[in-house]
Each structure stands twice: as structure tokens, then as C-alpha cells.
Amino acid sequence: MRPFLFYAVVRLGLWFLLWWLLTLVGLGLVLAGVLAALIAMLLSILFLDRLRNAAALRWKAADERRAARHADEVDEDAEYEDAVLDEADGETGSEDRDEVREEDR
């Protein structure tokens, strides 16, 4: 969480600095805010790639750990429902094939 928080704070600081500089130049507050957001986004894509990747990798690792913990759990109801659906699909599948064969004749 810390790398993502650091990345977000750096992007927000960059946006604020750019907004302040653009308002000093004489652009309006809203136009300066929009341009600052676009420029900050592009700069963060170009130069803050390592911070973004570090944050993404930590989230990915946490998600994989969470998935590994839940992989051992077996939902018996879901297995039963899958078996019933598979049987139903098997029956309708053969009937559909018979109908197609009769139509071809």
C-alpha cells in the first residue's frame, strides 16, 4: 500500500506544482488545472514508471496470495450444480444433433 500511496502523492504534488506554475503564467484556474492534469499524467507515465510498477506488483502479489488461500476451498454445491448442468447439456446436445440430422434428410 505504501508504494501506491507514495506514487499517488507524487502525482498529486506534480499536478499541484504544474497548476501553480500555469496559473502564474496567466492561464485561468480551470484551464490551468486541466492542462496540469494532462501534463502530470504524461510525465508520470514517462518518468514514474518504476513507482507505478512497484505499486502494481505489490497489489498483484497480494491478490495472488489471497487467491492461493481461497484455492483450497471447495464449494460442493457448485460442483453438484455443474454436474447437473453438464448432464442437462449432454441430453439437449444429442437431441439437437438428431434434429439437425432429420432436417438434412
C-alpha atoms as a PDB file:
ATOM      1  CA  MET A   1       0.000   0.000   0.000  1.00  0.00           C
ATOM      2  CA  ARG A   2       2.883   2.337   0.714  1.00  0.00           C
ATOM      3  CA  PRO A   3       4.285   2.313  -2.844  1.00  0.00           C
ATOM      4  CA  PHE A   4       0.867   3.111  -4.253  1.00  0.00           C
ATOM      5  CA  LEU A   5       0.308   5.865  -1.712  1.00  0.00           C
ATOM      6  CA  PHE A   6       3.743   7.320  -2.481  1.00  0.00           C
ATOM      7  CA  TYR A   7       3.014   7.170  -6.225  1.00  0.00           C
ATOM      8  CA  ALA A   8      -0.334   8.904  -5.726  1.00  0.00           C
ATOM      9  CA  VAL A   9       1.181  11.644  -3.547  1.00  0.00           C
ATOM     10  CA  VAL A  10       3.970  12.255  -6.065  1.00  0.00           C
ATOM     11  CA  ARG A  11       1.436  12.561  -8.899  1.00  0.00           C
ATOM     12  CA  LEU A  12      -0.739  14.893  -6.868  1.00  0.00           C
ATOM     13  CA  GLY A  13       2.269  17.032  -5.958  1.00  0.00           C
ATOM     14  CA  LEU A  14       3.330  17.166  -9.581  1.00  0.00           C
ATOM     15  CA  TRP A  15      -0.176  18.220 -10.599  1.00  0.00           C
ATOM     16  CA  PHE A  16      -0.261  20.947  -7.930  1.00  0.00           C
ATOM     17  CA  LEU A  17       3.163  22.282  -8.938  1.00  0.00           C
ATOM     18  CA  LEU A  18       2.184  22.384 -12.611  1.00  0.00           C
ATOM     19  CA  TRP A  19      -1.171  24.002 -11.798  1.00  0.00           C
ATOM     20  CA  TRP A  20       0.557  26.679  -9.714  1.00  0.00           C
ATOM     21  CA  LEU A  21       3.111  27.386 -12.458  1.00  0.00           C
ATOM     22  CA  LEU A  22       0.429  27.590 -15.158  1.00  0.00           C
ATOM     23  CA  THR A  23      -1.678  29.989 -13.090  1.00  0.00           C
ATOM     24  CA  LEU A  24       1.407  32.173 -12.591  1.00  0.00           C
ATOM     25  CA  VAL A  25       1.845  32.257 -16.364  1.00  0.00           C
ATOM     26  CA  GLY A  26      -1.650  33.705 -16.646  1.00  0.00           C
ATOM     27  CA  LEU A  27      -3.896  30.840 -17.662  1.00  0.00           C
ATOM     28  CA  GLY A  28      -7.274  30.616 -15.986  1.00  0.00           C
ATOM     29  CA  LEU A  29      -7.733  28.381 -12.963  1.00  0.00           C
ATOM     30  CA  VAL A  30      -9.785  25.735 -14.751  1.00  0.00           C
ATOM     31  CA  LEU A  31      -7.690  25.669 -17.913  1.00  0.00           C
ATOM     32  CA  ALA A  32      -4.527  25.516 -15.826  1.00  0.00           C
ATOM     33  CA  GLY A  33      -5.995  22.619 -13.836  1.00  0.00           C
ATOM     34  CA  VAL A  34      -6.907  20.653 -16.934  1.00  0.00           C
ATOM     35  CA  LEU A  35      -3.546  21.251 -18.603  1.00  0.00           C
ATOM     36  CA  ALA A  36      -1.729  20.435 -15.367  1.00  0.00           C
ATOM     37  CA  ALA A  37      -3.638  17.144 -15.113  1.00  0.00           C
ATOM     38  CA  LEU A  38      -2.737  16.187 -18.695  1.00  0.00           C
ATOM     39  CA  ILE A  39       0.905  17.156 -18.321  1.00  0.00           C
ATOM     40  CA  ALA A  40       1.189  15.427 -14.919  1.00  0.00           C
ATOM     41  CA  MET A  41      -0.336  12.271 -16.382  1.00  0.00           C
ATOM     42  CA  LEU A  42       2.101  12.237 -19.290  1.00  0.00           C
ATOM     43  CA  LEU A  43       5.094  12.974 -17.066  1.00  0.00           C
ATOM     44  CA  SER A  44       4.098  10.255 -14.628  1.00  0.00           C
ATOM     45  CA  ILE A  45       3.765   7.757 -17.474  1.00  0.00           C
ATOM     46  CA  LEU A  46       7.197   8.684 -18.791  1.00  0.00           C
ATOM     47  CA  PHE A  47       9.191   9.152 -15.591  1.00  0.00           C
ATOM     48  CA  LEU A  48       7.378   7.441 -12.741  1.00  0.00           C
ATOM     49  CA  ASP A  49       7.142   4.035 -14.365  1.00  0.00           C
ATOM     50  CA  ARG A  50       9.182   2.317 -11.634  1.00  0.00           C
ATOM     51  CA  LEU A  51       6.939   3.643  -8.867  1.00  0.00           C
ATOM     52  CA  ARG A  52       3.809   2.559 -10.708  1.00  0.00           C
ATOM     53  CA  ASN A  53       5.228  -0.907 -11.403  1.00  0.00           C
ATOM     54  CA  ALA A  54       6.286  -1.339  -7.782  1.00  0.00           C
ATOM     55  CA  ALA A  55       2.784  -0.491  -6.625  1.00  0.00           C
ATOM     56  CA  ALA A  56       1.187  -2.769  -9.222  1.00  0.00           C
ATOM     57  CA  LEU A  57       3.492  -5.687  -8.389  1.00  0.00           C
ATOM     58  CA  ARG A  58       2.710  -5.414  -4.673  1.00  0.00           C
ATOM     59  CA  TRP A  59      -1.036  -5.436  -5.423  1.00  0.00           C
ATOM     60  CA  LYS A  60      -0.605  -8.378  -7.804  1.00  0.00           C
ATOM     61  CA  ALA A  61       1.369 -10.360  -5.219  1.00  0.00           C
ATOM     62  CA  ALA A  62      -1.263  -9.676  -2.558  1.00  0.00           C
ATOM     63  CA  ASP A  63      -4.011 -10.751  -4.956  1.00  0.00           C
ATOM     64  CA  GLU A  64      -2.168 -13.980  -5.781  1.00  0.00           C
ATOM     65  CA  ARG A  65      -1.690 -14.743  -2.065  1.00  0.00           C
ATOM     66  CA  ARG A  66      -5.397 -14.133  -1.488  1.00  0.00           C
ATOM     67  CA  ALA A  67      -6.310 -16.383  -4.416  1.00  0.00           C
ATOM     68  CA  ALA A  68      -3.970 -19.125  -3.158  1.00  0.00           C
ATOM     69  CA  ARG A  69      -5.695 -19.098   0.224  1.00  0.00           C
ATOM     70  CA  HIS A  70      -9.108 -19.483  -1.396  1.00  0.00           C
ATOM     71  CA  ALA A  71      -7.975 -22.100  -3.931  1.00  0.00           C
ATOM     72  CA  ASP A  72      -8.123 -24.858  -1.304  1.00  0.00           C
ATOM     73  CA  GLU A  73     -11.796 -24.194  -0.549  1.00  0.00           C
ATOM     74  CA  VAL A  74     -14.159 -26.442  -2.482  1.00  0.00           C
ATOM     75  CA  ASP A  75     -17.770 -25.460  -2.964  1.00  0.00           C
ATOM     76  CA  GLU A  76     -19.681 -28.764  -3.044  1.00  0.00           C
ATOM     77  CA  ASP A  77     -22.925 -27.109  -4.116  1.00  0.00           C
ATOM     78  CA  ALA A  78     -21.209 -25.602  -7.144  1.00  0.00           C
ATOM     79  CA  GLU A  79     -19.760 -28.983  -8.119  1.00  0.00           C
ATOM     80  CA  TYR A  80     -23.220 -30.572  -7.883  1.00  0.00           C
ATOM     81  CA  GLU A  81     -24.770 -27.792  -9.949  1.00  0.00           C
ATOM     82  CA  ASP A  82     -22.034 -28.135 -12.574  1.00  0.00           C
ATOM     83  CA  ALA A  83     -22.666 -31.880 -12.776  1.00  0.00           C
ATOM     84  CA  VAL A  84     -26.413 -31.366 -13.197  1.00  0.00           C
ATOM     85  CA  LEU A  85     -25.856 -28.724 -15.886  1.00  0.00           C
ATOM     86  CA  ASP A  86     -23.376 -30.945 -17.699  1.00  0.00           C
ATOM     87  CA  GLU A  87     -25.894 -33.791 -17.722  1.00  0.00           C
ATOM     88  CA  ALA A  88     -28.613 -31.474 -18.992  1.00  0.00           C
ATOM     89  CA  ASP A  89     -26.317 -30.111 -21.714  1.00  0.00           C
ATOM     90  CA  GLY A  90     -25.398 -33.616 -22.744  1.00  0.00           C
ATOM     91  CA  GLU A  91     -29.037 -34.602 -23.223  1.00  0.00           C
ATOM     92  CA  THR A  92     -30.055 -31.493 -25.130  1.00  0.00           C
ATOM     93  CA  GLY A  93     -26.903 -31.646 -27.199  1.00  0.00           C
ATOM     94  CA  SER A  94     -27.768 -35.110 -28.538  1.00  0.00           C
ATOM     95  CA  GLU A  95     -31.390 -34.090 -29.238  1.00  0.00           C
ATOM     96  CA  ASP A  96     -30.190 -31.044 -31.155  1.00  0.00           C
ATOM     97  CA  ARG A  97     -27.916 -33.217 -33.254  1.00  0.00           C
ATOM     98  CA  ASP A  98     -30.791 -35.615 -34.016  1.00  0.00           C
ATOM     99  CA  GLU A  99     -32.987 -32.714 -35.120  1.00  0.00           C
ATOM    100  CA  VAL A 100     -30.273 -31.396 -37.418  1.00  0.00           C
ATOM    101  CA  ARG A 101     -29.804 -34.833 -38.966  1.00  0.00           C
ATOM    102  CA  GLU A 102     -33.541 -35.166 -39.616  1.00  0.00           C
ATOM    103  CA  GLU A 103     -33.611 -31.724 -41.250  1.00  0.00           C
ATOM    104  CA  ASP A 104     -30.720 -32.650 -43.543  1.00  0.00           C
ATOM    105  CA  ARG A 105     -32.630 -35.665 -44.921  1.00  0.00           C
END
